[in-house]
């Protein structure tokens, strides 16, 4: 299985790294959850893109 961060583009990886850093300085739990949800959204989009491209390349 491919590690999640390997699916990210360079730009996405930079954004996720910044979000993770910001999450450490979050003042409330709701702020932490916001950053976590943003990271999960980016990773899930990368997974869908990878599935689409791998399925497309098999055709």
PDB file of N, CA and C in Angstrom:
ATOM      1  N   UNK A   1       0.839  -1.180   0.000  1.00  0.00           N
ATOM      2  CA  UNK A   1       0.000   0.000   0.000  1.00  0.00           C
ATOM      3  C   UNK A   1       0.887   1.248   0.000  1.00  0.00           C
ATOM      4  N   UNK A   2       0.444   2.264  -0.678  1.00  0.00           N
ATOM      5  CA  UNK A   2       1.192   3.501  -0.803  1.00  0.00           C
ATOM      6  C   UNK A   2       0.921   4.399   0.410  1.00  0.00           C
ATOM      7  N   UNK A   3       1.985   4.973   0.959  1.00  0.00           N
ATOM      8  CA  UNK A   3       1.810   5.906   2.074  1.00  0.00           C
ATOM      9  C   UNK A   3       1.055   7.135   1.589  1.00  0.00           C
ATOM     10  N   UNK A   4       0.223   7.685   2.448  1.00  0.00           N
ATOM     11  CA  UNK A   4      -0.652   8.792   2.057  1.00  0.00           C
ATOM     12  C   UNK A   4       0.129  10.005   1.558  1.00  0.00           C
ATOM     13  N   UNK A   5       1.214  10.345   2.218  1.00  0.00           N
ATOM     14  CA  UNK A   5       1.951  11.548   1.843  1.00  0.00           C
ATOM     15  C   UNK A   5       2.692  11.390   0.514  1.00  0.00           C
ATOM     16  N   UNK A   6       2.912  10.156   0.077  1.00  0.00           N
ATOM     17  CA  UNK A   6       3.538   9.926  -1.219  1.00  0.00           C
ATOM     18  C   UNK A   6       2.598  10.279  -2.368  1.00  0.00           C
ATOM     19  N   UNK A   7       1.311  10.318  -2.106  1.00  0.00           N
ATOM     20  CA  UNK A   7       0.323  10.643  -3.128  1.00  0.00           C
ATOM     21  C   UNK A   7       0.198  12.144  -3.367  1.00  0.00           C
ATOM     22  N   UNK A   8       0.712  12.940  -2.443  1.00  0.00           N
ATOM     23  CA  UNK A   8       0.562  14.391  -2.527  1.00  0.00           C
ATOM     24  C   UNK A   8       1.553  14.994  -3.510  1.00  0.00           C
ATOM     25  N   UNK A   9       1.106  16.053  -4.167  1.00  0.00           N
ATOM     26  CA  UNK A   9       2.013  16.812  -5.015  1.00  0.00           C
ATOM     27  C   UNK A   9       2.907  17.658  -4.118  1.00  0.00           C
ATOM     28  N   UNK A  10       3.902  18.263  -4.704  1.00  0.00           N
ATOM     29  CA  UNK A  10       4.824  19.119  -3.945  1.00  0.00           C
ATOM     30  C   UNK A  10       4.056  20.244  -3.252  1.00  0.00           C
ATOM     31  N   UNK A  11       3.144  20.867  -3.963  1.00  0.00           N
ATOM     32  CA  UNK A  11       2.366  21.972  -3.411  1.00  0.00           C
ATOM     33  C   UNK A  11       1.460  21.501  -2.271  1.00  0.00           C
ATOM     34  N   UNK A  12       0.814  20.350  -2.481  1.00  0.00           N
ATOM     35  CA  UNK A  12      -0.059  19.809  -1.441  1.00  0.00           C
ATOM     36  C   UNK A  12       0.739  19.450  -0.192  1.00  0.00           C
ATOM     37  N   UNK A  13       1.915  18.891  -0.398  1.00  0.00           N
ATOM     38  CA  UNK A  13       2.761  18.520   0.733  1.00  0.00           C
ATOM     39  C   UNK A  13       3.180  19.754   1.539  1.00  0.00           C
ATOM     40  N   UNK A  14       3.487  20.845   0.847  1.00  0.00           N
ATOM     41  CA  UNK A  14       3.832  22.088   1.532  1.00  0.00           C
ATOM     42  C   UNK A  14       2.652  22.600   2.351  1.00  0.00           C
ATOM     43  N   UNK A  15       1.462  22.539   1.779  1.00  0.00           N
ATOM     44  CA  UNK A  15       0.262  22.999   2.482  1.00  0.00           C
ATOM     45  C   UNK A  15      -0.007  22.133   3.710  1.00  0.00           C
ATOM     46  N   UNK A  16       0.096  20.827   3.554  1.00  0.00           N
ATOM     47  CA  UNK A  16      -0.154  19.919   4.672  1.00  0.00           C
ATOM     48  C   UNK A  16       0.871  20.153   5.783  1.00  0.00           C
ATOM     49  N   UNK A  17       2.111  20.374   5.415  1.00  0.00           N
ATOM     50  CA  UNK A  17       3.146  20.647   6.409  1.00  0.00           C
ATOM     51  C   UNK A  17       2.832  21.924   7.186  1.00  0.00           C
ATOM     52  N   UNK A  18       2.395  22.954   6.474  1.00  0.00           N
ATOM     53  CA  UNK A  18       2.029  24.209   7.143  1.00  0.00           C
ATOM     54  C   UNK A  18       0.812  24.033   8.033  1.00  0.00           C
ATOM     55  N   UNK A  19      -0.176  23.271   7.564  1.00  0.00           N
ATOM     56  CA  UNK A  19      -1.365  23.021   8.379  1.00  0.00           C
ATOM     57  C   UNK A  19      -1.015  22.248   9.646  1.00  0.00           C
ATOM     58  N   UNK A  20      -0.106  21.276   9.515  1.00  0.00           N
ATOM     59  CA  UNK A  20       0.316  20.524  10.697  1.00  0.00           C
ATOM     60  C   UNK A  20       1.023  21.428  11.700  1.00  0.00           C
ATOM     61  N   UNK A  21       1.840  22.345  11.209  1.00  0.00           N
ATOM     62  CA  UNK A  21       2.528  23.281  12.097  1.00  0.00           C
ATOM     63  C   UNK A  21       1.527  24.211  12.773  1.00  0.00           C
ATOM     64  N   UNK A  22       0.558  24.700  12.020  1.00  0.00           N
ATOM     65  CA  UNK A  22      -0.470  25.584  12.588  1.00  0.00           C
ATOM     66  C   UNK A  22      -1.318  24.856  13.620  1.00  0.00           C
ATOM     67  N   UNK A  23      -1.532  23.572  13.403  1.00  0.00           N
ATOM     68  CA  UNK A  23      -2.337  22.790  14.329  1.00  0.00           C
ATOM     69  C   UNK A  23      -1.672  22.744  15.705  1.00  0.00           C
ATOM     70  N   UNK A  24      -0.357  22.781  15.757  1.00  0.00           N
ATOM     71  CA  UNK A  24       0.359  22.763  17.034  1.00  0.00           C
ATOM     72  C   UNK A  24       0.118  24.042  17.837  1.00  0.00           C
ATOM     73  N   UNK A  25      -0.191  25.128  17.150  1.00  0.00           N
ATOM     74  CA  UNK A  25      -0.416  26.408  17.815  1.00  0.00           C
ATOM     75  C   UNK A  25      -1.893  26.755  17.944  1.00  0.00           C
ATOM     76  N   UNK A  26      -2.743  25.801  17.663  1.00  0.00           N
ATOM     77  CA  UNK A  26      -4.187  26.045  17.742  1.00  0.00           C
ATOM     78  C   UNK A  26      -4.585  26.348  19.186  1.00  0.00           C
ATOM     79  N   UNK A  27      -5.449  27.329  19.346  1.00  0.00           N
ATOM     80  CA  UNK A  27      -5.856  27.754  20.681  1.00  0.00           C
ATOM     81  C   UNK A  27      -7.004  26.935  21.241  1.00  0.00           C
ATOM     82  N   UNK A  28      -7.841  26.422  20.361  1.00  0.00           N
ATOM     83  CA  UNK A  28      -8.999  25.655  20.833  1.00  0.00           C
ATOM     84  C   UNK A  28      -9.074  24.327  20.086  1.00  0.00           C
ATOM     85  N   UNK A  29      -9.877  23.461  20.626  1.00  0.00           N
ATOM     86  CA  UNK A  29     -10.087  22.154  20.003  1.00  0.00           C
ATOM     87  C   UNK A  29     -10.762  22.302  18.648  1.00  0.00           C
ATOM     88  N   UNK A  30     -11.642  23.276  18.516  1.00  0.00           N
ATOM     89  CA  UNK A  30     -12.313  23.469  17.229  1.00  0.00           C
ATOM     90  C   UNK A  30     -11.323  23.927  16.159  1.00  0.00           C
ATOM     91  N   UNK A  31     -10.331  24.718  16.542  1.00  0.00           N
ATOM     92  CA  UNK A  31      -9.293  25.111  15.584  1.00  0.00           C
ATOM     93  C   UNK A  31      -8.456  23.895  15.170  1.00  0.00           C
ATOM     94  N   UNK A  32      -8.132  23.059  16.145  1.00  0.00           N
ATOM     95  CA  UNK A  32      -7.376  21.835  15.841  1.00  0.00           C
ATOM     96  C   UNK A  32      -8.150  20.947  14.878  1.00  0.00           C
ATOM     97  N   UNK A  33      -9.439  20.801  15.138  1.00  0.00           N
ATOM     98  CA  UNK A  33     -10.275  19.973  14.271  1.00  0.00           C
ATOM     99  C   UNK A  33     -10.360  20.555  12.864  1.00  0.00           C
ATOM    100  N   UNK A  34     -10.389  21.873  12.760  1.00  0.00           N
ATOM    101  CA  UNK A  34     -10.411  22.515  11.446  1.00  0.00           C
ATOM    102  C   UNK A  34      -9.167  22.133  10.648  1.00  0.00           C
ATOM    103  N   UNK A  35      -7.992  22.276  11.252  1.00  0.00           N
ATOM    104  CA  UNK A  35      -6.746  21.941  10.555  1.00  0.00           C
ATOM    105  C   UNK A  35      -6.699  20.463  10.209  1.00  0.00           C
ATOM    106  N   UNK A  36      -7.135  19.613  11.123  1.00  0.00           N
ATOM    107  CA  UNK A  36      -7.161  18.172  10.879  1.00  0.00           C
ATOM    108  C   UNK A  36      -8.075  17.840   9.706  1.00  0.00           C
ATOM    109  N   UNK A  37      -9.254  18.449   9.671  1.00  0.00           N
ATOM    110  CA  UNK A  37     -10.195  18.195   8.581  1.00  0.00           C
ATOM    111  C   UNK A  37      -9.642  18.672   7.243  1.00  0.00           C
ATOM    112  N   UNK A  38      -8.957  19.804   7.243  1.00  0.00           N
ATOM    113  CA  UNK A  38      -8.358  20.307   6.004  1.00  0.00           C
ATOM    114  C   UNK A  38      -7.294  19.341   5.488  1.00  0.00           C
ATOM    115  N   UNK A  39      -6.473  18.831   6.389  1.00  0.00           N
ATOM    116  CA  UNK A  39      -5.435  17.870   6.006  1.00  0.00           C
ATOM    117  C   UNK A  39      -6.081  16.604   5.454  1.00  0.00           C
ATOM    118  N   UNK A  40      -7.100  16.108   6.128  1.00  0.00           N
ATOM    119  CA  UNK A  40      -7.781  14.892   5.674  1.00  0.00           C
ATOM    120  C   UNK A  40      -8.442  15.095   4.313  1.00  0.00           C
ATOM    121  N   UNK A  41      -8.982  16.289   4.073  1.00  0.00           N
ATOM    122  CA  UNK A  41      -9.607  16.578   2.787  1.00  0.00           C
ATOM    123  C   UNK A  41      -8.570  16.557   1.668  1.00  0.00           C
ATOM    124  N   UNK A  42      -7.425  17.167   1.897  1.00  0.00           N
ATOM    125  CA  UNK A  42      -6.361  17.191   0.892  1.00  0.00           C
ATOM    126  C   UNK A  42      -5.885  15.782   0.592  1.00  0.00           C
ATOM    127  N   UNK A  43      -5.700  14.983   1.626  1.00  0.00           N
ATOM    128  CA  UNK A  43      -5.229  13.610   1.433  1.00  0.00           C
ATOM    129  C   UNK A  43      -6.278  12.766   0.717  1.00  0.00           C
ATOM    130  N   UNK A  44      -7.543  12.935   1.055  1.00  0.00           N
ATOM    131  CA  UNK A  44      -8.581  12.146   0.377  1.00  0.00           C
ATOM    132  C   UNK A  44      -8.698  12.525  -1.095  1.00  0.00           C
ATOM    133  N   UNK A  45      -8.510  13.803  -1.414  1.00  0.00           N
ATOM    134  CA  UNK A  45      -8.525  14.219  -2.818  1.00  0.00           C
ATOM    135  C   UNK A  45      -7.334  13.628  -3.568  1.00  0.00           C
ATOM    136  N   UNK A  46      -6.195  13.561  -2.907  1.00  0.00           N
ATOM    137  CA  UNK A  46      -5.012  12.961  -3.527  1.00  0.00           C
ATOM    138  C   UNK A  46      -5.232  11.463  -3.776  1.00  0.00           C
ATOM    139  N   UNK A  47      -5.886  10.794  -2.838  1.00  0.00           N
ATOM    140  CA  UNK A  47      -6.190   9.371  -3.017  1.00  0.00           C
ATOM    141  C   UNK A  47      -7.124   9.158  -4.201  1.00  0.00           C
ATOM    142  N   UNK A  48      -8.166   9.996  -4.292  1.00  0.00           N
ATOM    143  CA  UNK A  48      -9.102   9.882  -5.426  1.00  0.00           C
ATOM    144  C   UNK A  48      -8.394  10.145  -6.745  1.00  0.00           C
ATOM    145  N   UNK A  49      -7.528  11.143  -6.774  1.00  0.00           N
ATOM    146  CA  UNK A  49      -6.781  11.455  -7.990  1.00  0.00           C
ATOM    147  C   UNK A  49      -5.904  10.268  -8.386  1.00  0.00           C
ATOM    148  N   UNK A  50      -5.240   9.663  -7.403  1.00  0.00           N
ATOM    149  CA  UNK A  50      -4.378   8.516  -7.672  1.00  0.00           C
ATOM    150  C   UNK A  50      -5.186   7.335  -8.212  1.00  0.00           C
ATOM    151  N   UNK A  51      -6.359   7.078  -7.605  1.00  0.00           N
ATOM    152  CA  UNK A  51      -7.209   5.993  -8.080  1.00  0.00           C
ATOM    153  C   UNK A  51      -7.688   6.244  -9.497  1.00  0.00           C
ATOM    154  N   UNK A  52      -8.055   7.481  -9.788  1.00  0.00           N
ATOM    155  CA  UNK A  52      -8.522   7.827 -11.116  1.00  0.00           C
ATOM    156  C   UNK A  52      -7.410   7.641 -12.137  1.00  0.00           C
ATOM    157  N   UNK A  53      -6.227   8.160 -11.823  1.00  0.00           N
ATOM    158  CA  UNK A  53      -5.121   8.085 -12.767  1.00  0.00           C
ATOM    159  C   UNK A  53      -4.623   6.652 -12.936  1.00  0.00           C
ATOM    160  N   UNK A  54      -4.627   5.873 -11.873  1.00  0.00           N
ATOM    161  CA  UNK A  54      -4.184   4.483 -12.010  1.00  0.00           C
ATOM    162  C   UNK A  54      -5.219   3.677 -12.792  1.00  0.00           C
ATOM    163  N   UNK A  55      -6.487   3.961 -12.629  1.00  0.00           N
ATOM    164  CA  UNK A  55      -7.523   3.286 -13.401  1.00  0.00           C
ATOM    165  C   UNK A  55      -7.509   3.717 -14.850  1.00  0.00           C
ATOM    166  N   UNK A  56      -7.202   4.970 -15.080  1.00  0.00           N
ATOM    167  CA  UNK A  56      -7.152   5.530 -16.430  1.00  0.00           C
ATOM    168  C   UNK A  56      -5.952   4.966 -17.191  1.00  0.00           C
ATOM    169  N   UNK A  57      -4.840   4.740 -16.502  1.00  0.00           N
ATOM    170  CA  UNK A  57      -3.649   4.245 -17.182  1.00  0.00           C
ATOM    171  C   UNK A  57      -3.766   2.769 -17.556  1.00  0.00           C
ATOM    172  N   UNK A  58      -4.666   2.033 -16.903  1.00  0.00           N
ATOM    173  CA  UNK A  58      -4.854   0.614 -17.214  1.00  0.00           C
ATOM    174  C   UNK A  58      -5.701   0.418 -18.468  1.00  0.00           C
ATOM    175  N   UNK A  59      -6.449   1.432 -18.843  1.00  0.00           N
ATOM    176  CA  UNK A  59      -7.347   1.316 -19.997  1.00  0.00           C
ATOM    177  C   UNK A  59      -6.597   1.422 -21.287  1.00  0.00           C
TER     178      UNK A  59
END
